[in-house]
Amino acid sequence: SFITCTSGIWNVGWITLPFGMAHAYVSCSSRYLSKHIGRLPIFATGVLVDASIQITLLLYAPNGTQQFPLYVISGLWGITDGIWQTQIN
């Protein structure tokens, strides 16, 4: 609803592109990070970023002229999802 209502349905793919890119990068690199710094700091980072996203989405009032925050939120969500998908297993 944030993307479609403010930017139009034709921008859904472009705004979700950072999600996929960040998810792929973090999924591949978190395995190596967990060997060096441990799983707990990675989970803590994921929780902090995910909580920040949730608070931002509760307080953010999107409009059609500002699309950059949607790209940032999408990328950050990809980071946290990449952490959850790889580290939980």
PDB file of N, CA and C in Angstrom:
ATOM      1  N   SER A   1       0.827  -1.199   0.000  1.00  0.00           N
ATOM      2  CA  SER A   1       0.000   0.000   0.000  1.00  0.00           C
ATOM      3  C   SER A   1       0.869   1.260   0.000  1.00  0.00           C
ATOM      4  N   PHE A   2       2.045   1.195   0.609  1.00  0.00           N
ATOM      5  CA  PHE A   2       2.925   2.361   0.601  1.00  0.00           C
ATOM      6  C   PHE A   2       3.381   2.671  -0.820  1.00  0.00           C
ATOM      7  N   ILE A   3       3.698   1.646  -1.585  1.00  0.00           N
ATOM      8  CA  ILE A   3       4.235   1.870  -2.925  1.00  0.00           C
ATOM      9  C   ILE A   3       3.114   2.142  -3.919  1.00  0.00           C
ATOM     10  N   THR A   4       2.114   1.291  -3.963  1.00  0.00           N
ATOM     11  CA  THR A   4       1.078   1.399  -4.972  1.00  0.00           C
ATOM     12  C   THR A   4       0.263   2.669  -4.828  1.00  0.00           C
ATOM     13  N   CYS A   5      -0.114   3.024  -3.633  1.00  0.00           N
ATOM     14  CA  CYS A   5      -0.960   4.201  -3.430  1.00  0.00           C
ATOM     15  C   CYS A   5      -0.213   5.518  -3.651  1.00  0.00           C
ATOM     16  N   THR A   6       1.087   5.539  -3.383  1.00  0.00           N
ATOM     17  CA  THR A   6       1.822   6.796  -3.505  1.00  0.00           C
ATOM     18  C   THR A   6       2.556   6.935  -4.825  1.00  0.00           C
ATOM     19  N   SER A   7       3.105   5.839  -5.339  1.00  0.00           N
ATOM     20  CA  SER A   7       3.941   5.926  -6.534  1.00  0.00           C
ATOM     21  C   SER A   7       3.319   5.302  -7.766  1.00  0.00           C
ATOM     22  N   GLY A   8       2.323   4.482  -7.582  1.00  0.00           N
ATOM     23  CA  GLY A   8       1.676   3.814  -8.705  1.00  0.00           C
ATOM     24  C   GLY A   8       2.136   2.378  -8.832  1.00  0.00           C
ATOM     25  N   ILE A   9       1.295   1.570  -9.422  1.00  0.00           N
ATOM     26  CA  ILE A   9       1.572   0.138  -9.526  1.00  0.00           C
ATOM     27  C   ILE A   9       2.762  -0.143 -10.431  1.00  0.00           C
ATOM     28  N   TRP A  10       3.054   0.741 -11.361  1.00  0.00           N
ATOM     29  CA  TRP A  10       4.177   0.549 -12.286  1.00  0.00           C
ATOM     30  C   TRP A  10       5.533   0.711 -11.603  1.00  0.00           C
ATOM     31  N   ASN A  11       5.582   1.233 -10.375  1.00  0.00           N
ATOM     32  CA  ASN A  11       6.840   1.403  -9.645  1.00  0.00           C
ATOM     33  C   ASN A  11       7.086   0.328  -8.592  1.00  0.00           C
ATOM     34  N   VAL A  12       6.197  -0.623  -8.464  1.00  0.00           N
ATOM     35  CA  VAL A  12       6.360  -1.650  -7.430  1.00  0.00           C
ATOM     36  C   VAL A  12       7.645  -2.435  -7.644  1.00  0.00           C
ATOM     37  N   GLY A  13       7.920  -2.845  -8.859  1.00  0.00           N
ATOM     38  CA  GLY A  13       9.133  -3.607  -9.149  1.00  0.00           C
ATOM     39  C   GLY A  13      10.401  -2.815  -8.886  1.00  0.00           C
ATOM     40  N   TRP A  14      10.391  -1.523  -9.253  1.00  0.00           N
ATOM     41  CA  TRP A  14      11.583  -0.698  -9.059  1.00  0.00           C
ATOM     42  C   TRP A  14      11.860  -0.446  -7.586  1.00  0.00           C
ATOM     43  N   ILE A  15      10.816  -0.259  -6.804  1.00  0.00           N
ATOM     44  CA  ILE A  15      11.014   0.036  -5.386  1.00  0.00           C
ATOM     45  C   ILE A  15      11.340  -1.231  -4.592  1.00  0.00           C
ATOM     46  N   THR A  16      10.894  -2.386  -5.056  1.00  0.00           N
ATOM     47  CA  THR A  16      11.262  -3.623  -4.370  1.00  0.00           C
ATOM     48  C   THR A  16      12.590  -4.190  -4.854  1.00  0.00           C
ATOM     49  N   LEU A  17      13.181  -3.608  -5.864  1.00  0.00           N
ATOM     50  CA  LEU A  17      14.488  -4.050  -6.352  1.00  0.00           C
ATOM     51  C   LEU A  17      15.580  -3.962  -5.277  1.00  0.00           C
ATOM     52  N   PRO A  18      15.670  -2.872  -4.491  1.00  0.00           N
ATOM     53  CA  PRO A  18      16.682  -2.849  -3.412  1.00  0.00           C
ATOM     54  C   PRO A  18      16.480  -3.949  -2.377  1.00  0.00           C
ATOM     55  N   PHE A  19      15.230  -4.369  -2.158  1.00  0.00           N
ATOM     56  CA  PHE A  19      14.965  -5.474  -1.234  1.00  0.00           C
ATOM     57  C   PHE A  19      15.677  -6.732  -1.707  1.00  0.00           C
ATOM     58  N   GLY A  20      15.488  -7.086  -2.954  1.00  0.00           N
ATOM     59  CA  GLY A  20      16.099  -8.298  -3.488  1.00  0.00           C
ATOM     60  C   GLY A  20      17.606  -8.236  -3.520  1.00  0.00           C
ATOM     61  N   MET A  21      18.141  -7.076  -3.889  1.00  0.00           N
ATOM     62  CA  MET A  21      19.595  -6.927  -3.950  1.00  0.00           C
ATOM     63  C   MET A  21      20.220  -7.029  -2.557  1.00  0.00           C
ATOM     64  N   ALA A  22      19.628  -6.337  -1.580  1.00  0.00           N
ATOM     65  CA  ALA A  22      20.148  -6.377  -0.218  1.00  0.00           C
ATOM     66  C   ALA A  22      19.982  -7.766   0.381  1.00  0.00           C
ATOM     67  N   HIS A  23      18.860  -8.398   0.111  1.00  0.00           N
ATOM     68  CA  HIS A  23      18.610  -9.740   0.632  1.00  0.00           C
ATOM     69  C   HIS A  23      19.650 -10.719   0.103  1.00  0.00           C
ATOM     70  N   ALA A  24      19.935 -10.670  -1.182  1.00  0.00           N
ATOM     71  CA  ALA A  24      20.911 -11.580  -1.774  1.00  0.00           C
ATOM     72  C   ALA A  24      22.306 -11.334  -1.206  1.00  0.00           C
ATOM     73  N   TYR A  25      22.693 -10.083  -1.071  1.00  0.00           N
ATOM     74  CA  TYR A  25      24.020  -9.760  -0.561  1.00  0.00           C
ATOM     75  C   TYR A  25      24.181 -10.197   0.901  1.00  0.00           C
ATOM     76  N   VAL A  26      23.201  -9.888   1.728  1.00  0.00           N
ATOM     77  CA  VAL A  26      23.290 -10.228   3.153  1.00  0.00           C
ATOM     78  C   VAL A  26      23.190 -11.737   3.348  1.00  0.00           C
ATOM     79  N   SER A  27      22.379 -12.405   2.550  1.00  0.00           N
ATOM     80  CA  SER A  27      22.274 -13.862   2.666  1.00  0.00           C
ATOM     81  C   SER A  27      23.614 -14.529   2.402  1.00  0.00           C
ATOM     82  N   CYS A  28      24.337 -14.017   1.423  1.00  0.00           N
ATOM     83  CA  CYS A  28      25.644 -14.602   1.095  1.00  0.00           C
ATOM     84  C   CYS A  28      26.718 -14.207   2.099  1.00  0.00           C
ATOM     85  N   SER A  29      26.686 -12.987   2.571  1.00  0.00           N
ATOM     86  CA  SER A  29      27.778 -12.505   3.425  1.00  0.00           C
ATOM     87  C   SER A  29      27.567 -12.770   4.915  1.00  0.00           C
ATOM     88  N   SER A  30      26.350 -13.005   5.360  1.00  0.00           N
ATOM     89  CA  SER A  30      26.139 -13.198   6.796  1.00  0.00           C
ATOM     90  C   SER A  30      26.743 -14.500   7.292  1.00  0.00           C
ATOM     91  N   ARG A  31      26.892 -15.461   6.428  1.00  0.00           N
ATOM     92  CA  ARG A  31      27.535 -16.710   6.824  1.00  0.00           C
ATOM     93  C   ARG A  31      28.979 -16.461   7.235  1.00  0.00           C
ATOM     94  N   TYR A  32      29.662 -15.655   6.461  1.00  0.00           N
ATOM     95  CA  TYR A  32      31.058 -15.346   6.776  1.00  0.00           C
ATOM     96  C   TYR A  32      31.166 -14.413   7.983  1.00  0.00           C
ATOM     97  N   LEU A  33      30.227 -13.487   8.093  1.00  0.00           N
ATOM     98  CA  LEU A  33      30.238 -12.585   9.248  1.00  0.00           C
ATOM     99  C   LEU A  33      29.993 -13.336  10.549  1.00  0.00           C
ATOM    100  N   SER A  34      29.091 -14.313  10.515  1.00  0.00           N
ATOM    101  CA  SER A  34      28.774 -15.038  11.746  1.00  0.00           C
ATOM    102  C   SER A  34      29.968 -15.855  12.240  1.00  0.00           C
ATOM    103  N   LYS A  35      30.845 -16.272  11.328  1.00  0.00           N
ATOM    104  CA  LYS A  35      32.048 -16.990  11.752  1.00  0.00           C
ATOM    105  C   LYS A  35      33.024 -16.071  12.478  1.00  0.00           C
ATOM    106  N   HIS A  36      33.057 -14.795  12.097  1.00  0.00           N
ATOM    107  CA  HIS A  36      34.035 -13.874  12.670  1.00  0.00           C
ATOM    108  C   HIS A  36      33.515 -13.104  13.889  1.00  0.00           C
ATOM    109  N   ILE A  37      32.263 -12.684  13.855  1.00  0.00           N
ATOM    110  CA  ILE A  37      31.756 -11.874  14.967  1.00  0.00           C
ATOM    111  C   ILE A  37      30.687 -12.575  15.795  1.00  0.00           C
ATOM    112  N   GLY A  38      30.202 -13.713  15.339  1.00  0.00           N
ATOM    113  CA  GLY A  38      29.187 -14.450  16.081  1.00  0.00           C
ATOM    114  C   GLY A  38      27.784 -14.117  15.609  1.00  0.00           C
ATOM    115  N   ARG A  39      26.851 -14.948  16.020  1.00  0.00           N
ATOM    116  CA  ARG A  39      25.466 -14.780  15.581  1.00  0.00           C
ATOM    117  C   ARG A  39      24.721 -13.713  16.372  1.00  0.00           C
ATOM    118  N   LEU A  40      25.069 -13.558  17.643  1.00  0.00           N
ATOM    119  CA  LEU A  40      24.339 -12.604  18.483  1.00  0.00           C
ATOM    120  C   LEU A  40      24.432 -11.165  17.969  1.00  0.00           C
ATOM    121  N   PRO A  41      25.601 -10.645  17.595  1.00  0.00           N
ATOM    122  CA  PRO A  41      25.640  -9.283  17.059  1.00  0.00           C
ATOM    123  C   PRO A  41      24.861  -9.136  15.749  1.00  0.00           C
ATOM    124  N   ILE A  42      24.848 -10.198  14.955  1.00  0.00           N
ATOM    125  CA  ILE A  42      24.084 -10.140  13.708  1.00  0.00           C
ATOM    126  C   ILE A  42      22.591 -10.085  14.008  1.00  0.00           C
ATOM    127  N   PHE A  43      22.135 -10.913  14.944  1.00  0.00           N
ATOM    128  CA  PHE A  43      20.721 -10.865  15.341  1.00  0.00           C
ATOM    129  C   PHE A  43      20.365  -9.524  15.970  1.00  0.00           C
ATOM    130  N   ALA A  44      21.242  -8.984  16.791  1.00  0.00           N
ATOM    131  CA  ALA A  44      20.975  -7.687  17.428  1.00  0.00           C
ATOM    132  C   ALA A  44      20.855  -6.587  16.386  1.00  0.00           C
ATOM    133  N   THR A  45      21.713  -6.607  15.393  1.00  0.00           N
ATOM    134  CA  THR A  45      21.617  -5.627  14.309  1.00  0.00           C
ATOM    135  C   THR A  45      20.306  -5.791  13.565  1.00  0.00           C
ATOM    136  N   GLY A  46      19.927  -7.030  13.287  1.00  0.00           N
ATOM    137  CA  GLY A  46      18.661  -7.282  12.602  1.00  0.00           C
ATOM    138  C   GLY A  46      17.462  -6.791  13.388  1.00  0.00           C
ATOM    139  N   VAL A  47      17.476  -7.012  14.692  1.00  0.00           N
ATOM    140  CA  VAL A  47      16.361  -6.560  15.542  1.00  0.00           C
ATOM    141  C   VAL A  47      16.283  -5.037  15.561  1.00  0.00           C
ATOM    142  N   LEU A  48      17.422  -4.376  15.699  1.00  0.00           N
ATOM    143  CA  LEU A  48      17.424  -2.913  15.733  1.00  0.00           C
ATOM    144  C   LEU A  48      16.951  -2.308  14.413  1.00  0.00           C
ATOM    145  N   VAL A  49      17.440  -2.844  13.319  1.00  0.00           N
ATOM    146  CA  VAL A  49      17.028  -2.321  12.013  1.00  0.00           C
ATOM    147  C   VAL A  49      15.557  -2.619  11.766  1.00  0.00           C
ATOM    148  N   ASP A  50      15.109  -3.824  12.104  1.00  0.00           N
ATOM    149  CA  ASP A  50      13.706  -4.182  11.902  1.00  0.00           C
ATOM    150  C   ASP A  50      12.777  -3.329  12.764  1.00  0.00           C
ATOM    151  N   ALA A  51      13.151  -3.083  14.013  1.00  0.00           N
ATOM    152  CA  ALA A  51      12.340  -2.223  14.883  1.00  0.00           C
ATOM    153  C   ALA A  51      12.299  -0.793  14.339  1.00  0.00           C
ATOM    154  N   SER A  52      13.421  -0.324  13.827  1.00  0.00           N
ATOM    155  CA  SER A  52      13.459   1.023  13.246  1.00  0.00           C
ATOM    156  C   SER A  52      12.546   1.127  12.025  1.00  0.00           C
ATOM    157  N   ILE A  53      12.546   0.088  11.214  1.00  0.00           N
ATOM    158  CA  ILE A  53      11.662   0.079  10.040  1.00  0.00           C
ATOM    159  C   ILE A  53      10.201   0.116  10.476  1.00  0.00           C
ATOM    160  N   GLN A  54       9.847  -0.692  11.452  1.00  0.00           N
ATOM    161  CA  GLN A  54       8.458  -0.743  11.901  1.00  0.00           C
ATOM    162  C   GLN A  54       7.997   0.602  12.470  1.00  0.00           C
ATOM    163  N   ILE A  55       8.851   1.237  13.256  1.00  0.00           N
ATOM    164  CA  ILE A  55       8.508   2.550  13.810  1.00  0.00           C
ATOM    165  C   ILE A  55       8.388   3.582  12.697  1.00  0.00           C
ATOM    166  N   THR A  56       9.306   3.527  11.738  1.00  0.00           N
ATOM    167  CA  THR A  56       9.260   4.455  10.612  1.00  0.00           C
ATOM    168  C   THR A  56       7.976   4.287   9.816  1.00  0.00           C
ATOM    169  N   LEU A  57       7.581   3.053   9.561  1.00  0.00           N
ATOM    170  CA  LEU A  57       6.357   2.819   8.798  1.00  0.00           C
ATOM    171  C   LEU A  57       5.117   3.270   9.558  1.00  0.00           C
ATOM    172  N   LEU A  58       5.162   3.221  10.892  1.00  0.00           N
ATOM    173  CA  LEU A  58       4.026   3.710  11.675  1.00  0.00           C
ATOM    174  C   LEU A  58       3.931   5.233  11.640  1.00  0.00           C
ATOM    175  N   LEU A  59       5.073   5.903  11.602  1.00  0.00           N
ATOM    176  CA  LEU A  59       5.083   7.358  11.678  1.00  0.00           C
ATOM    177  C   LEU A  59       5.158   8.046  10.314  1.00  0.00           C
ATOM    178  N   TYR A  60       5.579   7.345   9.294  1.00  0.00           N
ATOM    179  CA  TYR A  60       5.822   7.923   7.975  1.00  0.00           C
ATOM    180  C   TYR A  60       4.510   8.129   7.233  1.00  0.00           C
ATOM    181  N   ALA A  61       4.316   9.333   6.730  1.00  0.00           N
ATOM    182  CA  ALA A  61       3.142   9.645   5.916  1.00  0.00           C
ATOM    183  C   ALA A  61       3.623   9.865   4.484  1.00  0.00           C
ATOM    184  N   PRO A  62       3.544   8.830   3.640  1.00  0.00           N
ATOM    185  CA  PRO A  62       4.091   8.956   2.291  1.00  0.00           C
ATOM    186  C   PRO A  62       3.269   9.885   1.413  1.00  0.00           C
ATOM    187  N   ASN A  63       3.981  10.506   0.487  1.00  0.00           N
ATOM    188  CA  ASN A  63       3.300  11.270  -0.552  1.00  0.00           C
ATOM    189  C   ASN A  63       3.929  10.914  -1.886  1.00  0.00           C
ATOM    190  N   GLY A  64       3.332  11.307  -2.963  1.00  0.00           N
ATOM    191  CA  GLY A  64       3.772  10.897  -4.284  1.00  0.00           C
ATOM    192  C   GLY A  64       5.066  11.533  -4.754  1.00  0.00           C
ATOM    193  N   THR A  65       5.517  12.588  -4.100  1.00  0.00           N
ATOM    194  CA  THR A  65       6.715  13.282  -4.571  1.00  0.00           C
ATOM    195  C   THR A  65       7.997  12.730  -3.965  1.00  0.00           C
ATOM    196  N   GLN A  66       7.911  12.037  -2.859  1.00  0.00           N
ATOM    197  CA  GLN A  66       9.107  11.517  -2.183  1.00  0.00           C
ATOM    198  C   GLN A  66       9.151   9.996  -2.311  1.00  0.00           C
ATOM    199  N   GLN A  67       9.912   9.512  -3.283  1.00  0.00           N
ATOM    200  CA  GLN A  67      10.030   8.076  -3.464  1.00  0.00           C
ATOM    201  C   GLN A  67      11.306   7.516  -2.846  1.00  0.00           C
ATOM    202  N   PHE A  68      12.291   8.349  -2.592  1.00  0.00           N
ATOM    203  CA  PHE A  68      13.567   7.867  -2.060  1.00  0.00           C
ATOM    204  C   PHE A  68      13.416   7.129  -0.733  1.00  0.00           C
ATOM    205  N   PRO A  69      12.608   7.607   0.227  1.00  0.00           N
ATOM    206  CA  PRO A  69      12.456   6.836   1.480  1.00  0.00           C
ATOM    207  C   PRO A  69      11.912   5.427   1.249  1.00  0.00           C
ATOM    208  N   LEU A  70      11.109   5.240   0.233  1.00  0.00           N
ATOM    209  CA  LEU A  70      10.586   3.906  -0.047  1.00  0.00           C
ATOM    210  C   LEU A  70      11.697   2.967  -0.516  1.00  0.00           C
ATOM    211  N   TYR A  71      12.642   3.485  -1.296  1.00  0.00           N
ATOM    212  CA  TYR A  71      13.791   2.681  -1.717  1.00  0.00           C
ATOM    213  C   TYR A  71      14.650   2.298  -0.514  1.00  0.00           C
ATOM    214  N   VAL A  72      14.861   3.240   0.387  1.00  0.00           N
ATOM    215  CA  VAL A  72      15.682   2.988   1.576  1.00  0.00           C
ATOM    216  C   VAL A  72      15.011   1.957   2.486  1.00  0.00           C
ATOM    217  N   ILE A  73      13.727   2.117   2.720  1.00  0.00           N
ATOM    218  CA  ILE A  73      12.993   1.175   3.567  1.00  0.00           C
ATOM    219  C   ILE A  73      13.012  -0.220   2.947  1.00  0.00           C
ATOM    220  N   SER A  74      12.845  -0.289   1.643  1.00  0.00           N
ATOM    221  CA  SER A  74      12.880  -1.576   0.955  1.00  0.00           C
ATOM    222  C   SER A  74      14.245  -2.243   1.097  1.00  0.00           C
ATOM    223  N   GLY A  75      15.308  -1.483   0.944  1.00  0.00           N
ATOM    224  CA  GLY A  75      16.652  -2.040   1.090  1.00  0.00           C
ATOM    225  C   GLY A  75      16.944  -2.496   2.502  1.00  0.00           C
ATOM    226  N   LEU A  76      16.520  -1.699   3.482  1.00  0.00           N
ATOM    227  CA  LEU A  76      16.734  -2.097   4.877  1.00  0.00           C
ATOM    228  C   LEU A  76      15.951  -3.351   5.223  1.00  0.00           C
ATOM    229  N   TRP A  77      14.757  -3.454   4.680  1.00  0.00           N
ATOM    230  CA  TRP A  77      13.959  -4.648   4.933  1.00  0.00           C
ATOM    231  C   TRP A  77      14.614  -5.869   4.300  1.00  0.00           C
ATOM    232  N   GLY A  78      15.264  -5.699   3.171  1.00  0.00           N
ATOM    233  CA  GLY A  78      16.011  -6.798   2.561  1.00  0.00           C
ATOM    234  C   GLY A  78      17.172  -7.249   3.419  1.00  0.00           C
ATOM    235  N   ILE A  79      17.818  -6.296   4.080  1.00  0.00           N
ATOM    236  CA  ILE A  79      18.924  -6.640   4.982  1.00  0.00           C
ATOM    237  C   ILE A  79      18.420  -7.510   6.128  1.00  0.00           C
ATOM    238  N   THR A  80      17.352  -7.081   6.768  1.00  0.00           N
ATOM    239  CA  THR A  80      16.853  -7.853   7.913  1.00  0.00           C
ATOM    240  C   THR A  80      16.303  -9.204   7.479  1.00  0.00           C
ATOM    241  N   ASP A  81      15.644  -9.254   6.342  1.00  0.00           N
ATOM    242  CA  ASP A  81      15.123 -10.531   5.875  1.00  0.00           C
ATOM    243  C   ASP A  81      16.253 -11.486   5.515  1.00  0.00           C
ATOM    244  N   GLY A  82      17.326 -10.952   4.958  1.00  0.00           N
ATOM    245  CA  GLY A  82      18.489 -11.793   4.679  1.00  0.00           C
ATOM    246  C   GLY A  82      19.105 -12.356   5.946  1.00  0.00           C
ATOM    247  N   ILE A  83      19.084 -11.572   7.010  1.00  0.00           N
ATOM    248  CA  ILE A  83      19.590 -12.055   8.298  1.00  0.00           C
ATOM    249  C   ILE A  83      18.692 -13.164   8.828  1.00  0.00           C
ATOM    250  N   TRP A  84      17.378 -12.927   8.822  1.00  0.00           N
ATOM    251  CA  TRP A  84      16.466 -13.921   9.396  1.00  0.00           C
ATOM    252  C   TRP A  84      16.486 -15.219   8.601  1.00  0.00           C
ATOM    253  N   GLN A  85      16.518 -15.132   7.280  1.00  0.00           N
ATOM    254  CA  GLN A  85      16.447 -16.333   6.453  1.00  0.00           C
ATOM    255  C   GLN A  85      17.680 -17.211   6.578  1.00  0.00           C
ATOM    256  N   THR A  86      18.838 -16.611   6.784  1.00  0.00           N
ATOM    257  CA  THR A  86      20.058 -17.422   6.829  1.00  0.00           C
ATOM    258  C   THR A  86      20.479 -17.798   8.248  1.00  0.00           C
ATOM    259  N   GLN A  87      20.296 -16.927   9.200  1.00  0.00           N
ATOM    260  CA  GLN A  87      20.805 -17.176  10.545  1.00  0.00           C
ATOM    261  C   GLN A  87      19.889 -18.037  11.396  1.00  0.00           C
ATOM    262  N   ILE A  88      18.605 -18.044  11.122  1.00  0.00           N
ATOM    263  CA  ILE A  88      17.691 -18.864  11.902  1.00  0.00           C
ATOM    264  C   ILE A  88      17.962 -20.348  11.647  1.00  0.00           C
ATOM    265  N   ASN A  89      18.276 -20.683  10.409  1.00  0.00           N
ATOM    266  CA  ASN A  89      18.559 -22.089  10.085  1.00  0.00           C
ATOM    267  C   ASN A  89      19.809 -22.557  10.788  1.00  0.00           C
TER     268      ASN A  89
END
